[in-house]
């Protein structure tokens, strides 16, 4: 199945808009459109962070396995490139989040009491 770049771009734009909306509203991405309500079902920050880290690790492991299968001459080249680029995006996202956390910590330390 071949996905056109227009479909891919519109899907990416929709995902970006949903993420941006969740950041602006403070609601989880699934709740950003207002369909799911109630704060009692929310997770705490530690759980969300742990889930995100587990997702990043599994994405990187999947990319490593597919790259290894590509080096041995097995596997689909498109799947390999896709999984490696997804792992790259996850790593870049983790780096940005880390930088933001450090920046926030430094801002808090500069506050006067």
PDB file of N, CA and C in Angstrom:
ATOM      1  N   UNK A   1       0.839  -1.178   0.000  1.00  0.00           N
ATOM      2  CA  UNK A   1       0.000   0.000   0.000  1.00  0.00           C
ATOM      3  C   UNK A   1       0.882   1.239   0.000  1.00  0.00           C
ATOM      4  N   UNK A   2       0.710   2.089  -0.957  1.00  0.00           N
ATOM      5  CA  UNK A   2       1.495   3.306  -1.076  1.00  0.00           C
ATOM      6  C   UNK A   2       0.658   4.471  -0.578  1.00  0.00           C
ATOM      7  N   UNK A   3       1.249   5.249   0.321  1.00  0.00           N
ATOM      8  CA  UNK A   3       0.564   6.402   0.885  1.00  0.00           C
ATOM      9  C   UNK A   3       1.113   7.635   0.195  1.00  0.00           C
ATOM     10  N   UNK A   4       0.233   8.445  -0.351  1.00  0.00           N
ATOM     11  CA  UNK A   4       0.688   9.648  -1.044  1.00  0.00           C
ATOM     12  C   UNK A   4       1.233  10.649  -0.036  1.00  0.00           C
ATOM     13  N   UNK A   5       2.089  11.522  -0.512  1.00  0.00           N
ATOM     14  CA  UNK A   5       2.676  12.517   0.382  1.00  0.00           C
ATOM     15  C   UNK A   5       1.618  13.485   0.897  1.00  0.00           C
ATOM     16  N   UNK A   6       0.567  13.719   0.129  1.00  0.00           N
ATOM     17  CA  UNK A   6      -0.510  14.605   0.582  1.00  0.00           C
ATOM     18  C   UNK A   6      -1.230  14.007   1.768  1.00  0.00           C
ATOM     19  N   UNK A   7      -1.525  12.701   1.690  1.00  0.00           N
ATOM     20  CA  UNK A   7      -2.174  12.016   2.808  1.00  0.00           C
ATOM     21  C   UNK A   7      -1.265  12.017   4.022  1.00  0.00           C
ATOM     22  N   UNK A   8       0.011  11.736   3.799  1.00  0.00           N
ATOM     23  CA  UNK A   8       0.981  11.716   4.882  1.00  0.00           C
ATOM     24  C   UNK A   8       1.118  13.088   5.520  1.00  0.00           C
ATOM     25  N   UNK A   9       1.177  14.119   4.694  1.00  0.00           N
ATOM     26  CA  UNK A   9       1.307  15.482   5.217  1.00  0.00           C
ATOM     27  C   UNK A   9       0.077  15.909   5.994  1.00  0.00           C
ATOM     28  N   UNK A  10      -1.110  15.546   5.508  1.00  0.00           N
ATOM     29  CA  UNK A  10      -2.321  15.940   6.222  1.00  0.00           C
ATOM     30  C   UNK A  10      -2.453  15.188   7.538  1.00  0.00           C
ATOM     31  N   UNK A  11      -2.012  13.924   7.559  1.00  0.00           N
ATOM     32  CA  UNK A  11      -2.034  13.163   8.808  1.00  0.00           C
ATOM     33  C   UNK A  11      -1.060  13.764   9.811  1.00  0.00           C
ATOM     34  N   UNK A  12       0.105  14.170   9.330  1.00  0.00           N
ATOM     35  CA  UNK A  12       1.092  14.796  10.209  1.00  0.00           C
ATOM     36  C   UNK A  12       0.571  16.131  10.734  1.00  0.00           C
ATOM     37  N   UNK A  13      -0.072  16.898   9.864  1.00  0.00           N
ATOM     38  CA  UNK A  13      -0.624  18.188  10.285  1.00  0.00           C
ATOM     39  C   UNK A  13      -1.726  17.997  11.327  1.00  0.00           C
ATOM     40  N   UNK A  14      -2.550  16.968  11.138  1.00  0.00           N
ATOM     41  CA  UNK A  14      -3.622  16.700  12.100  1.00  0.00           C
ATOM     42  C   UNK A  14      -3.042  16.277  13.453  1.00  0.00           C
ATOM     43  N   UNK A  15      -2.004  15.451  13.417  1.00  0.00           N
ATOM     44  CA  UNK A  15      -1.367  15.019  14.670  1.00  0.00           C
ATOM     45  C   UNK A  15      -0.717  16.203  15.376  1.00  0.00           C
ATOM     46  N   UNK A  16      -0.080  17.077  14.613  1.00  0.00           N
ATOM     47  CA  UNK A  16       0.543  18.261  15.195  1.00  0.00           C
ATOM     48  C   UNK A  16      -0.519  19.167  15.820  1.00  0.00           C
ATOM     49  N   UNK A  17      -1.616  19.361  15.116  1.00  0.00           N
ATOM     50  CA  UNK A  17      -2.690  20.216  15.636  1.00  0.00           C
ATOM     51  C   UNK A  17      -3.274  19.640  16.925  1.00  0.00           C
ATOM     52  N   UNK A  18      -3.441  18.324  16.971  1.00  0.00           N
ATOM     53  CA  UNK A  18      -3.985  17.687  18.167  1.00  0.00           C
ATOM     54  C   UNK A  18      -3.024  17.849  19.346  1.00  0.00           C
ATOM     55  N   UNK A  19      -1.729  17.673  19.081  1.00  0.00           N
ATOM     56  CA  UNK A  19      -0.735  17.837  20.136  1.00  0.00           C
ATOM     57  C   UNK A  19      -0.693  19.281  20.610  1.00  0.00           C
ATOM     58  N   UNK A  20      -0.698  20.207  19.673  1.00  0.00           N
ATOM     59  CA  UNK A  20      -0.682  21.623  20.028  1.00  0.00           C
ATOM     60  C   UNK A  20      -1.908  21.990  20.848  1.00  0.00           C
ATOM     61  N   UNK A  21      -3.059  21.457  20.468  1.00  0.00           N
ATOM     62  CA  UNK A  21      -4.290  21.724  21.200  1.00  0.00           C
ATOM     63  C   UNK A  21      -4.212  21.186  22.622  1.00  0.00           C
ATOM     64  N   UNK A  22      -3.615  20.006  22.765  1.00  0.00           N
ATOM     65  CA  UNK A  22      -3.503  19.429  24.108  1.00  0.00           C
ATOM     66  C   UNK A  22      -2.550  20.239  24.968  1.00  0.00           C
ATOM     67  N   UNK A  23      -1.505  20.808  24.361  1.00  0.00           N
ATOM     68  CA  UNK A  23      -0.585  21.649  25.123  1.00  0.00           C
ATOM     69  C   UNK A  23      -1.251  22.944  25.565  1.00  0.00           C
ATOM     70  N   UNK A  24      -2.076  23.505  24.694  1.00  0.00           N
ATOM     71  CA  UNK A  24      -2.736  24.761  25.018  1.00  0.00           C
ATOM     72  C   UNK A  24      -3.837  24.583  26.055  1.00  0.00           C
ATOM     73  N   UNK A  25      -4.574  23.479  25.985  1.00  0.00           N
ATOM     74  CA  UNK A  25      -5.675  23.265  26.915  1.00  0.00           C
ATOM     75  C   UNK A  25      -5.236  22.614  28.210  1.00  0.00           C
ATOM     76  N   UNK A  26      -4.057  21.973  28.195  1.00  0.00           N
ATOM     77  CA  UNK A  26      -3.594  21.272  29.376  1.00  0.00           C
ATOM     78  C   UNK A  26      -4.228  19.904  29.545  1.00  0.00           C
ATOM     79  N   UNK A  27      -5.010  19.482  28.567  1.00  0.00           N
ATOM     80  CA  UNK A  27      -5.653  18.182  28.623  1.00  0.00           C
ATOM     81  C   UNK A  27      -4.796  17.158  27.892  1.00  0.00           C
ATOM     82  N   UNK A  28      -4.931  15.870  28.233  1.00  0.00           N
ATOM     83  CA  UNK A  28      -4.214  14.856  27.479  1.00  0.00           C
ATOM     84  C   UNK A  28      -4.626  14.894  26.008  1.00  0.00           C
ATOM     85  N   UNK A  29      -3.768  14.383  25.134  1.00  0.00           N
ATOM     86  CA  UNK A  29      -4.027  14.444  23.690  1.00  0.00           C
ATOM     87  C   UNK A  29      -5.348  13.788  23.335  1.00  0.00           C
ATOM     88  N   UNK A  30      -5.727  12.714  24.032  1.00  0.00           N
ATOM     89  CA  UNK A  30      -6.988  12.052  23.760  1.00  0.00           C
ATOM     90  C   UNK A  30      -8.174  12.888  24.223  1.00  0.00           C
ATOM     91  N   UNK A  31      -7.925  13.795  25.163  1.00  0.00           N
ATOM     92  CA  UNK A  31      -8.999  14.595  25.730  1.00  0.00           C
ATOM     93  C   UNK A  31      -9.008  16.019  25.181  1.00  0.00           C
ATOM     94  N   UNK A  32      -8.057  16.348  24.296  1.00  0.00           N
ATOM     95  CA  UNK A  32      -7.907  17.717  23.818  1.00  0.00           C
ATOM     96  C   UNK A  32      -9.116  18.181  23.012  1.00  0.00           C
ATOM     97  N   UNK A  33      -9.803  17.249  22.373  1.00  0.00           N
ATOM     98  CA  UNK A  33     -10.961  17.652  21.586  1.00  0.00           C
ATOM     99  C   UNK A  33     -12.220  17.764  22.437  1.00  0.00           C
ATOM    100  N   UNK A  34     -12.136  17.458  23.741  1.00  0.00           N
ATOM    101  CA  UNK A  34     -13.256  17.635  24.640  1.00  0.00           C
ATOM    102  C   UNK A  34     -14.217  16.466  24.662  1.00  0.00           C
ATOM    103  N   UNK A  35     -13.904  15.384  23.989  1.00  0.00           N
ATOM    104  CA  UNK A  35     -14.822  14.248  23.958  1.00  0.00           C
ATOM    105  C   UNK A  35     -14.787  13.446  25.252  1.00  0.00           C
ATOM    106  N   UNK A  36     -13.633  13.392  25.868  1.00  0.00           N
ATOM    107  CA  UNK A  36     -13.493  12.662  27.118  1.00  0.00           C
ATOM    108  C   UNK A  36     -13.338  13.696  28.212  1.00  0.00           C
ATOM    109  N   UNK A  37     -14.095  13.546  29.284  1.00  0.00           N
ATOM    110  CA  UNK A  37     -14.003  14.556  30.325  1.00  0.00           C
ATOM    111  C   UNK A  37     -13.811  13.894  31.680  1.00  0.00           C
ATOM    112  N   UNK A  38     -13.411  14.720  32.636  1.00  0.00           N
ATOM    113  CA  UNK A  38     -13.231  14.237  33.992  1.00  0.00           C
ATOM    114  C   UNK A  38     -11.768  14.077  34.315  1.00  0.00           C
ATOM    115  N   UNK A  39     -11.337  14.681  35.401  1.00  0.00           N
ATOM    116  CA  UNK A  39      -9.935  14.616  35.786  1.00  0.00           C
ATOM    117  C   UNK A  39      -9.626  13.379  36.605  1.00  0.00           C
ATOM    118  N   UNK A  40     -10.650  12.656  37.055  1.00  0.00           N
ATOM    119  CA  UNK A  40     -10.399  11.503  37.916  1.00  0.00           C
ATOM    120  C   UNK A  40      -9.696  10.377  37.184  1.00  0.00           C
ATOM    121  N   UNK A  41      -9.825  10.309  35.859  1.00  0.00           N
ATOM    122  CA  UNK A  41      -9.193   9.242  35.097  1.00  0.00           C
ATOM    123  C   UNK A  41      -7.797   9.599  34.640  1.00  0.00           C
ATOM    124  N   UNK A  42      -7.270  10.752  35.032  1.00  0.00           N
ATOM    125  CA  UNK A  42      -5.960  11.199  34.578  1.00  0.00           C
ATOM    126  C   UNK A  42      -4.828  10.460  35.264  1.00  0.00           C
ATOM    127  N   UNK A  43      -3.665  10.536  34.633  1.00  0.00           N
ATOM    128  CA  UNK A  43      -2.475   9.932  35.203  1.00  0.00           C
ATOM    129  C   UNK A  43      -1.625  11.017  35.834  1.00  0.00           C
ATOM    130  N   UNK A  44      -0.764  10.613  36.763  1.00  0.00           N
ATOM    131  CA  UNK A  44       0.142  11.602  37.311  1.00  0.00           C
ATOM    132  C   UNK A  44       1.350  11.746  36.402  1.00  0.00           C
ATOM    133  N   UNK A  45       2.150  12.749  36.652  1.00  0.00           N
ATOM    134  CA  UNK A  45       3.273  13.070  35.772  1.00  0.00           C
ATOM    135  C   UNK A  45       4.270  11.922  35.683  1.00  0.00           C
ATOM    136  N   UNK A  46       4.534  11.258  36.778  1.00  0.00           N
ATOM    137  CA  UNK A  46       5.482  10.148  36.788  1.00  0.00           C
ATOM    138  C   UNK A  46       5.036   9.009  35.888  1.00  0.00           C
ATOM    139  N   UNK A  47       3.737   8.695  35.918  1.00  0.00           N
ATOM    140  CA  UNK A  47       3.220   7.628  35.058  1.00  0.00           C
ATOM    141  C   UNK A  47       3.316   7.993  33.585  1.00  0.00           C
ATOM    142  N   UNK A  48       2.999   9.238  33.279  1.00  0.00           N
ATOM    143  CA  UNK A  48       3.075   9.693  31.894  1.00  0.00           C
ATOM    144  C   UNK A  48       4.518   9.661  31.409  1.00  0.00           C
ATOM    145  N   UNK A  49       5.433  10.105  32.238  1.00  0.00           N
ATOM    146  CA  UNK A  49       6.843  10.107  31.882  1.00  0.00           C
ATOM    147  C   UNK A  49       7.366   8.683  31.694  1.00  0.00           C
ATOM    148  N   UNK A  50       6.976   7.789  32.581  1.00  0.00           N
ATOM    149  CA  UNK A  50       7.396   6.398  32.475  1.00  0.00           C
ATOM    150  C   UNK A  50       6.873   5.753  31.193  1.00  0.00           C
ATOM    151  N   UNK A  51       5.621   6.021  30.856  1.00  0.00           N
ATOM    152  CA  UNK A  51       5.041   5.493  29.621  1.00  0.00           C
ATOM    153  C   UNK A  51       5.772   6.033  28.401  1.00  0.00           C
ATOM    154  N   UNK A  52       6.093   7.319  28.426  1.00  0.00           N
ATOM    155  CA  UNK A  52       6.810   7.926  27.303  1.00  0.00           C
ATOM    156  C   UNK A  52       8.205   7.325  27.141  1.00  0.00           C
ATOM    157  N   UNK A  53       8.881   7.098  28.241  1.00  0.00           N
ATOM    158  CA  UNK A  53      10.227   6.514  28.175  1.00  0.00           C
ATOM    159  C   UNK A  53      10.161   5.081  27.678  1.00  0.00           C
ATOM    160  N   UNK A  54       9.187   4.320  28.152  1.00  0.00           N
ATOM    161  CA  UNK A  54       9.032   2.941  27.672  1.00  0.00           C
ATOM    162  C   UNK A  54       8.738   2.914  26.177  1.00  0.00           C
ATOM    163  N   UNK A  55       7.933   3.842  25.705  1.00  0.00           N
ATOM    164  CA  UNK A  55       7.639   3.934  24.275  1.00  0.00           C
ATOM    165  C   UNK A  55       8.882   4.271  23.469  1.00  0.00           C
ATOM    166  N   UNK A  56       9.710   5.162  23.991  1.00  0.00           N
ATOM    167  CA  UNK A  56      10.944   5.537  23.298  1.00  0.00           C
ATOM    168  C   UNK A  56      11.907   4.360  23.222  1.00  0.00           C
ATOM    169  N   UNK A  57      12.021   3.638  24.311  1.00  0.00           N
ATOM    170  CA  UNK A  57      12.921   2.479  24.323  1.00  0.00           C
ATOM    171  C   UNK A  57      12.436   1.409  23.359  1.00  0.00           C
ATOM    172  N   UNK A  58      11.138   1.138  23.359  1.00  0.00           N
ATOM    173  CA  UNK A  58      10.619   0.109  22.455  1.00  0.00           C
ATOM    174  C   UNK A  58      10.752   0.541  20.997  1.00  0.00           C
ATOM    175  N   UNK A  59      10.588   1.822  20.714  1.00  0.00           N
ATOM    176  CA  UNK A  59      10.763   2.322  19.354  1.00  0.00           C
ATOM    177  C   UNK A  59      12.203   2.148  18.897  1.00  0.00           C
ATOM    178  N   UNK A  60      13.146   2.444  19.778  1.00  0.00           N
ATOM    179  CA  UNK A  60      14.556   2.283  19.437  1.00  0.00           C
ATOM    180  C   UNK A  60      14.925   0.812  19.253  1.00  0.00           C
ATOM    181  N   UNK A  61      14.380  -0.057  20.084  1.00  0.00           N
ATOM    182  CA  UNK A  61      14.657  -1.493  19.939  1.00  0.00           C
ATOM    183  C   UNK A  61      14.108  -2.017  18.622  1.00  0.00           C
ATOM    184  N   UNK A  62      12.908  -1.569  18.250  1.00  0.00           N
ATOM    185  CA  UNK A  62      12.307  -1.990  16.985  1.00  0.00           C
ATOM    186  C   UNK A  62      13.154  -1.518  15.807  1.00  0.00           C
ATOM    187  N   UNK A  63      13.645  -0.288  15.886  1.00  0.00           N
ATOM    188  CA  UNK A  63      14.486   0.236  14.812  1.00  0.00           C
ATOM    189  C   UNK A  63      15.791  -0.544  14.704  1.00  0.00           C
ATOM    190  N   UNK A  64      16.368  -0.919  15.849  1.00  0.00           N
ATOM    191  CA  UNK A  64      17.599  -1.702  15.838  1.00  0.00           C
ATOM    192  C   UNK A  64      17.380  -3.072  15.223  1.00  0.00           C
ATOM    193  N   UNK A  65      16.269  -3.711  15.582  1.00  0.00           N
ATOM    194  CA  UNK A  65      15.979  -5.036  15.023  1.00  0.00           C
ATOM    195  C   UNK A  65      15.773  -4.973  13.512  1.00  0.00           C
ATOM    196  N   UNK A  66      15.037  -3.953  13.063  1.00  0.00           N
ATOM    197  CA  UNK A  66      14.795  -3.836  11.625  1.00  0.00           C
ATOM    198  C   UNK A  66      16.078  -3.479  10.880  1.00  0.00           C
ATOM    199  N   UNK A  67      16.906  -2.638  11.466  1.00  0.00           N
ATOM    200  CA  UNK A  67      18.182  -2.292  10.826  1.00  0.00           C
ATOM    201  C   UNK A  67      19.085  -3.521  10.743  1.00  0.00           C
ATOM    202  N   UNK A  68      19.088  -4.324  11.792  1.00  0.00           N
ATOM    203  CA  UNK A  68      19.898  -5.550  11.777  1.00  0.00           C
ATOM    204  C   UNK A  68      19.396  -6.519  10.717  1.00  0.00           C
ATOM    205  N   UNK A  69      18.083  -6.625  10.571  1.00  0.00           N
ATOM    206  CA  UNK A  69      17.544  -7.511   9.539  1.00  0.00           C
ATOM    207  C   UNK A  69      17.874  -6.975   8.149  1.00  0.00           C
ATOM    208  N   UNK A  70      17.939  -5.674   8.005  1.00  0.00           N
ATOM    209  CA  UNK A  70      18.318  -5.082   6.724  1.00  0.00           C
ATOM    210  C   UNK A  70      19.771  -5.334   6.390  1.00  0.00           C
ATOM    211  N   UNK A  71      20.626  -5.336   7.412  1.00  0.00           N
ATOM    212  CA  UNK A  71      22.041  -5.600   7.177  1.00  0.00           C
ATOM    213  C   UNK A  71      22.291  -7.039   6.753  1.00  0.00           C
ATOM    214  N   UNK A  72      21.436  -7.934   7.188  1.00  0.00           N
ATOM    215  CA  UNK A  72      21.592  -9.337   6.793  1.00  0.00           C
ATOM    216  C   UNK A  72      20.919  -9.625   5.462  1.00  0.00           C
ATOM    217  N   UNK A  73      20.281  -8.624   4.862  1.00  0.00           N
ATOM    218  CA  UNK A  73      19.654  -8.804   3.564  1.00  0.00           C
ATOM    219  C   UNK A  73      18.192  -9.181   3.635  1.00  0.00           C
ATOM    220  N   UNK A  74      17.622  -9.193   4.807  1.00  0.00           N
ATOM    221  CA  UNK A  74      16.199  -9.504   4.980  1.00  0.00           C
ATOM    222  C   UNK A  74      15.454  -8.228   5.340  1.00  0.00           C
ATOM    223  N   UNK A  75      14.176  -8.246   5.191  1.00  0.00           N
ATOM    224  CA  UNK A  75      13.361  -7.110   5.599  1.00  0.00           C
ATOM    225  C   UNK A  75      13.057  -6.167   4.454  1.00  0.00           C
ATOM    226  N   UNK A  76      12.057  -5.366   4.667  1.00  0.00           N
ATOM    227  CA  UNK A  76      11.588  -4.396   3.689  1.00  0.00           C
ATOM    228  C   UNK A  76      12.311  -3.079   3.925  1.00  0.00           C
ATOM    229  N   UNK A  77      12.899  -2.520   2.895  1.00  0.00           N
ATOM    230  CA  UNK A  77      13.665  -1.287   3.020  1.00  0.00           C
ATOM    231  C   UNK A  77      12.800  -0.130   3.522  1.00  0.00           C
ATOM    232  N   UNK A  78      11.563  -0.071   3.067  1.00  0.00           N
ATOM    233  CA  UNK A  78      10.663   0.998   3.504  1.00  0.00           C
ATOM    234  C   UNK A  78      10.390   0.905   5.000  1.00  0.00           C
ATOM    235  N   UNK A  79      10.156  -0.313   5.500  1.00  0.00           N
ATOM    236  CA  UNK A  79       9.930  -0.494   6.937  1.00  0.00           C
ATOM    237  C   UNK A  79      11.162  -0.109   7.742  1.00  0.00           C
ATOM    238  N   UNK A  80      12.324  -0.442   7.228  1.00  0.00           N
ATOM    239  CA  UNK A  80      13.568  -0.134   7.932  1.00  0.00           C
ATOM    240  C   UNK A  80      13.757   1.373   8.031  1.00  0.00           C
ATOM    241  N   UNK A  81      13.606   2.060   6.915  1.00  0.00           N
ATOM    242  CA  UNK A  81      13.789   3.515   6.905  1.00  0.00           C
ATOM    243  C   UNK A  81      12.744   4.191   7.783  1.00  0.00           C
ATOM    244  N   UNK A  82      11.513   3.719   7.732  1.00  0.00           N
ATOM    245  CA  UNK A  82      10.447   4.303   8.543  1.00  0.00           C
ATOM    246  C   UNK A  82      10.728   4.124  10.033  1.00  0.00           C
ATOM    247  N   UNK A  83      11.115   2.933  10.441  1.00  0.00           N
ATOM    248  CA  UNK A  83      11.358   2.695  11.867  1.00  0.00           C
ATOM    249  C   UNK A  83      12.579   3.460  12.360  1.00  0.00           C
ATOM    250  N   UNK A  84      13.602   3.586  11.533  1.00  0.00           N
ATOM    251  CA  UNK A  84      14.784   4.347  11.941  1.00  0.00           C
ATOM    252  C   UNK A  84      14.447   5.833  12.057  1.00  0.00           C
ATOM    253  N   UNK A  85      13.665   6.363  11.119  1.00  0.00           N
ATOM    254  CA  UNK A  85      13.306   7.780  11.213  1.00  0.00           C
ATOM    255  C   UNK A  85      12.377   8.039  12.393  1.00  0.00           C
ATOM    256  N   UNK A  86      11.497   7.087  12.716  1.00  0.00           N
ATOM    257  CA  UNK A  86      10.646   7.237  13.908  1.00  0.00           C
ATOM    258  C   UNK A  86      11.496   7.245  15.170  1.00  0.00           C
ATOM    259  N   UNK A  87      12.487   6.361  15.220  1.00  0.00           N
ATOM    260  CA  UNK A  87      13.381   6.330  16.384  1.00  0.00           C
ATOM    261  C   UNK A  87      14.158   7.638  16.494  1.00  0.00           C
ATOM    262  N   UNK A  88      14.556   8.190  15.356  1.00  0.00           N
ATOM    263  CA  UNK A  88      15.260   9.471  15.353  1.00  0.00           C
ATOM    264  C   UNK A  88      14.360  10.584  15.886  1.00  0.00           C
ATOM    265  N   UNK A  89      13.102  10.604  15.481  1.00  0.00           N
ATOM    266  CA  UNK A  89      12.171  11.617  15.963  1.00  0.00           C
ATOM    267  C   UNK A  89      11.929  11.469  17.463  1.00  0.00           C
ATOM    268  N   UNK A  90      11.840  10.232  17.936  1.00  0.00           N
ATOM    269  CA  UNK A  90      11.645   9.999  19.364  1.00  0.00           C
ATOM    270  C   UNK A  90      12.844  10.529  20.152  1.00  0.00           C
ATOM    271  N   UNK A  91      14.043  10.276  19.641  1.00  0.00           N
ATOM    272  CA  UNK A  91      15.245  10.753  20.318  1.00  0.00           C
ATOM    273  C   UNK A  91      15.302  12.277  20.326  1.00  0.00           C
ATOM    274  N   UNK A  92      14.943  12.903  19.209  1.00  0.00           N
ATOM    275  CA  UNK A  92      14.923  14.363  19.163  1.00  0.00           C
ATOM    276  C   UNK A  92      13.887  14.929  20.124  1.00  0.00           C
ATOM    277  N   UNK A  93      12.728  14.292  20.196  1.00  0.00           N
ATOM    278  CA  UNK A  93      11.689  14.742  21.121  1.00  0.00           C
ATOM    279  C   UNK A  93      12.151  14.609  22.568  1.00  0.00           C
ATOM    280  N   UNK A  94      12.788  13.488  22.883  1.00  0.00           N
ATOM    281  CA  UNK A  94      13.304  13.288  24.239  1.00  0.00           C
ATOM    282  C   UNK A  94      14.346  14.346  24.585  1.00  0.00           C
ATOM    283  N   UNK A  95      15.179  14.709  23.629  1.00  0.00           N
ATOM    284  CA  UNK A  95      16.195  15.738  23.865  1.00  0.00           C
ATOM    285  C   UNK A  95      15.550  17.093  24.132  1.00  0.00           C
ATOM    286  N   UNK A  96      14.515  17.425  23.378  1.00  0.00           N
ATOM    287  CA  UNK A  96      13.819  18.702  23.573  1.00  0.00           C
ATOM    288  C   UNK A  96      13.127  18.725  24.930  1.00  0.00           C
ATOM    289  N   UNK A  97      12.483  17.626  25.302  1.00  0.00           N
ATOM    290  CA  UNK A  97      11.812  17.556  26.600  1.00  0.00           C
ATOM    291  C   UNK A  97      12.834  17.692  27.724  1.00  0.00           C
ATOM    292  N   UNK A  98      13.969  17.001  27.584  1.00  0.00           N
ATOM    293  CA  UNK A  98      15.030  17.109  28.589  1.00  0.00           C
ATOM    294  C   UNK A  98      15.490  18.553  28.729  1.00  0.00           C
ATOM    295  N   UNK A  99      15.704  19.235  27.600  1.00  0.00           N
ATOM    296  CA  UNK A  99      16.145  20.629  27.633  1.00  0.00           C
ATOM    297  C   UNK A  99      15.107  21.522  28.312  1.00  0.00           C
ATOM    298  N   UNK A 100      13.834  21.271  28.040  1.00  0.00           N
ATOM    299  CA  UNK A 100      12.767  22.065  28.666  1.00  0.00           C
ATOM    300  C   UNK A 100      12.699  21.823  30.174  1.00  0.00           C
ATOM    301  N   UNK A 101      12.894  20.581  30.590  1.00  0.00           N
ATOM    302  CA  UNK A 101      12.882  20.275  32.021  1.00  0.00           C
ATOM    303  C   UNK A 101      14.040  20.973  32.714  1.00  0.00           C
ATOM    304  N   UNK A 102      15.213  20.936  32.108  1.00  0.00           N
ATOM    305  CA  UNK A 102      16.374  21.605  32.689  1.00  0.00           C
ATOM    306  C   UNK A 102      16.152  23.104  32.745  1.00  0.00           C
ATOM    307  N   UNK A 103      15.595  23.673  31.672  1.00  0.00           N
ATOM    308  CA  UNK A 103      15.310  25.100  31.649  1.00  0.00           C
ATOM    309  C   UNK A 103      14.300  25.469  32.736  1.00  0.00           C
ATOM    310  N   UNK A 104      13.274  24.651  32.916  1.00  0.00           N
ATOM    311  CA  UNK A 104      12.273  24.914  33.955  1.00  0.00           C
ATOM    312  C   UNK A 104      12.887  24.842  35.342  1.00  0.00           C
ATOM    313  N   UNK A 105      13.744  23.845  35.558  1.00  0.00           N
ATOM    314  CA  UNK A 105      14.423  23.706  36.849  1.00  0.00           C
ATOM    315  C   UNK A 105      15.277  24.947  37.125  1.00  0.00           C
ATOM    316  N   UNK A 106      16.004  25.403  36.115  1.00  0.00           N
ATOM    317  CA  UNK A 106      16.848  26.583  36.294  1.00  0.00           C
ATOM    318  C   UNK A 106      15.997  27.824  36.570  1.00  0.00           C
ATOM    319  N   UNK A 107      14.849  27.939  35.920  1.00  0.00           N
ATOM    320  CA  UNK A 107      13.943  29.062  36.178  1.00  0.00           C
ATOM    321  C   UNK A 107      13.435  29.029  37.602  1.00  0.00           C
ATOM    322  N   UNK A 108      13.099  27.844  38.087  1.00  0.00           N
ATOM    323  CA  UNK A 108      12.621  27.719  39.470  1.00  0.00           C
ATOM    324  C   UNK A 108      13.725  28.067  40.455  1.00  0.00           C
ATOM    325  N   UNK A 109      14.943  27.666  40.180  1.00  0.00           N
ATOM    326  CA  UNK A 109      16.048  27.965  41.075  1.00  0.00           C
ATOM    327  C   UNK A 109      16.369  29.453  41.106  1.00  0.00           C
ATOM    328  N   UNK A 110      16.057  30.191  40.059  1.00  0.00           N
ATOM    329  CA  UNK A 110      16.301  31.624  40.015  1.00  0.00           C
ATOM    330  C   UNK A 110      15.224  32.438  40.726  1.00  0.00           C
ATOM    331  N   UNK A 111      14.112  31.799  41.059  1.00  0.00           N
ATOM    332  CA  UNK A 111      13.013  32.511  41.720  1.00  0.00           C
ATOM    333  C   UNK A 111      13.413  32.946  43.116  1.00  0.00           C
ATOM    334  N   UNK A 112      12.940  34.121  43.496  1.00  0.00           N
ATOM    335  CA  UNK A 112      13.187  34.585  44.867  1.00  0.00           C
ATOM    336  C   UNK A 112      12.043  34.142  45.759  1.00  0.00           C
ATOM    337  N   UNK A 113      12.392  33.834  46.971  1.00  0.00           N
ATOM    338  CA  UNK A 113      11.375  33.340  47.923  1.00  0.00           C
ATOM    339  C   UNK A 113      10.927  34.472  48.814  1.00  0.00           C
TER     340      UNK A 113
END
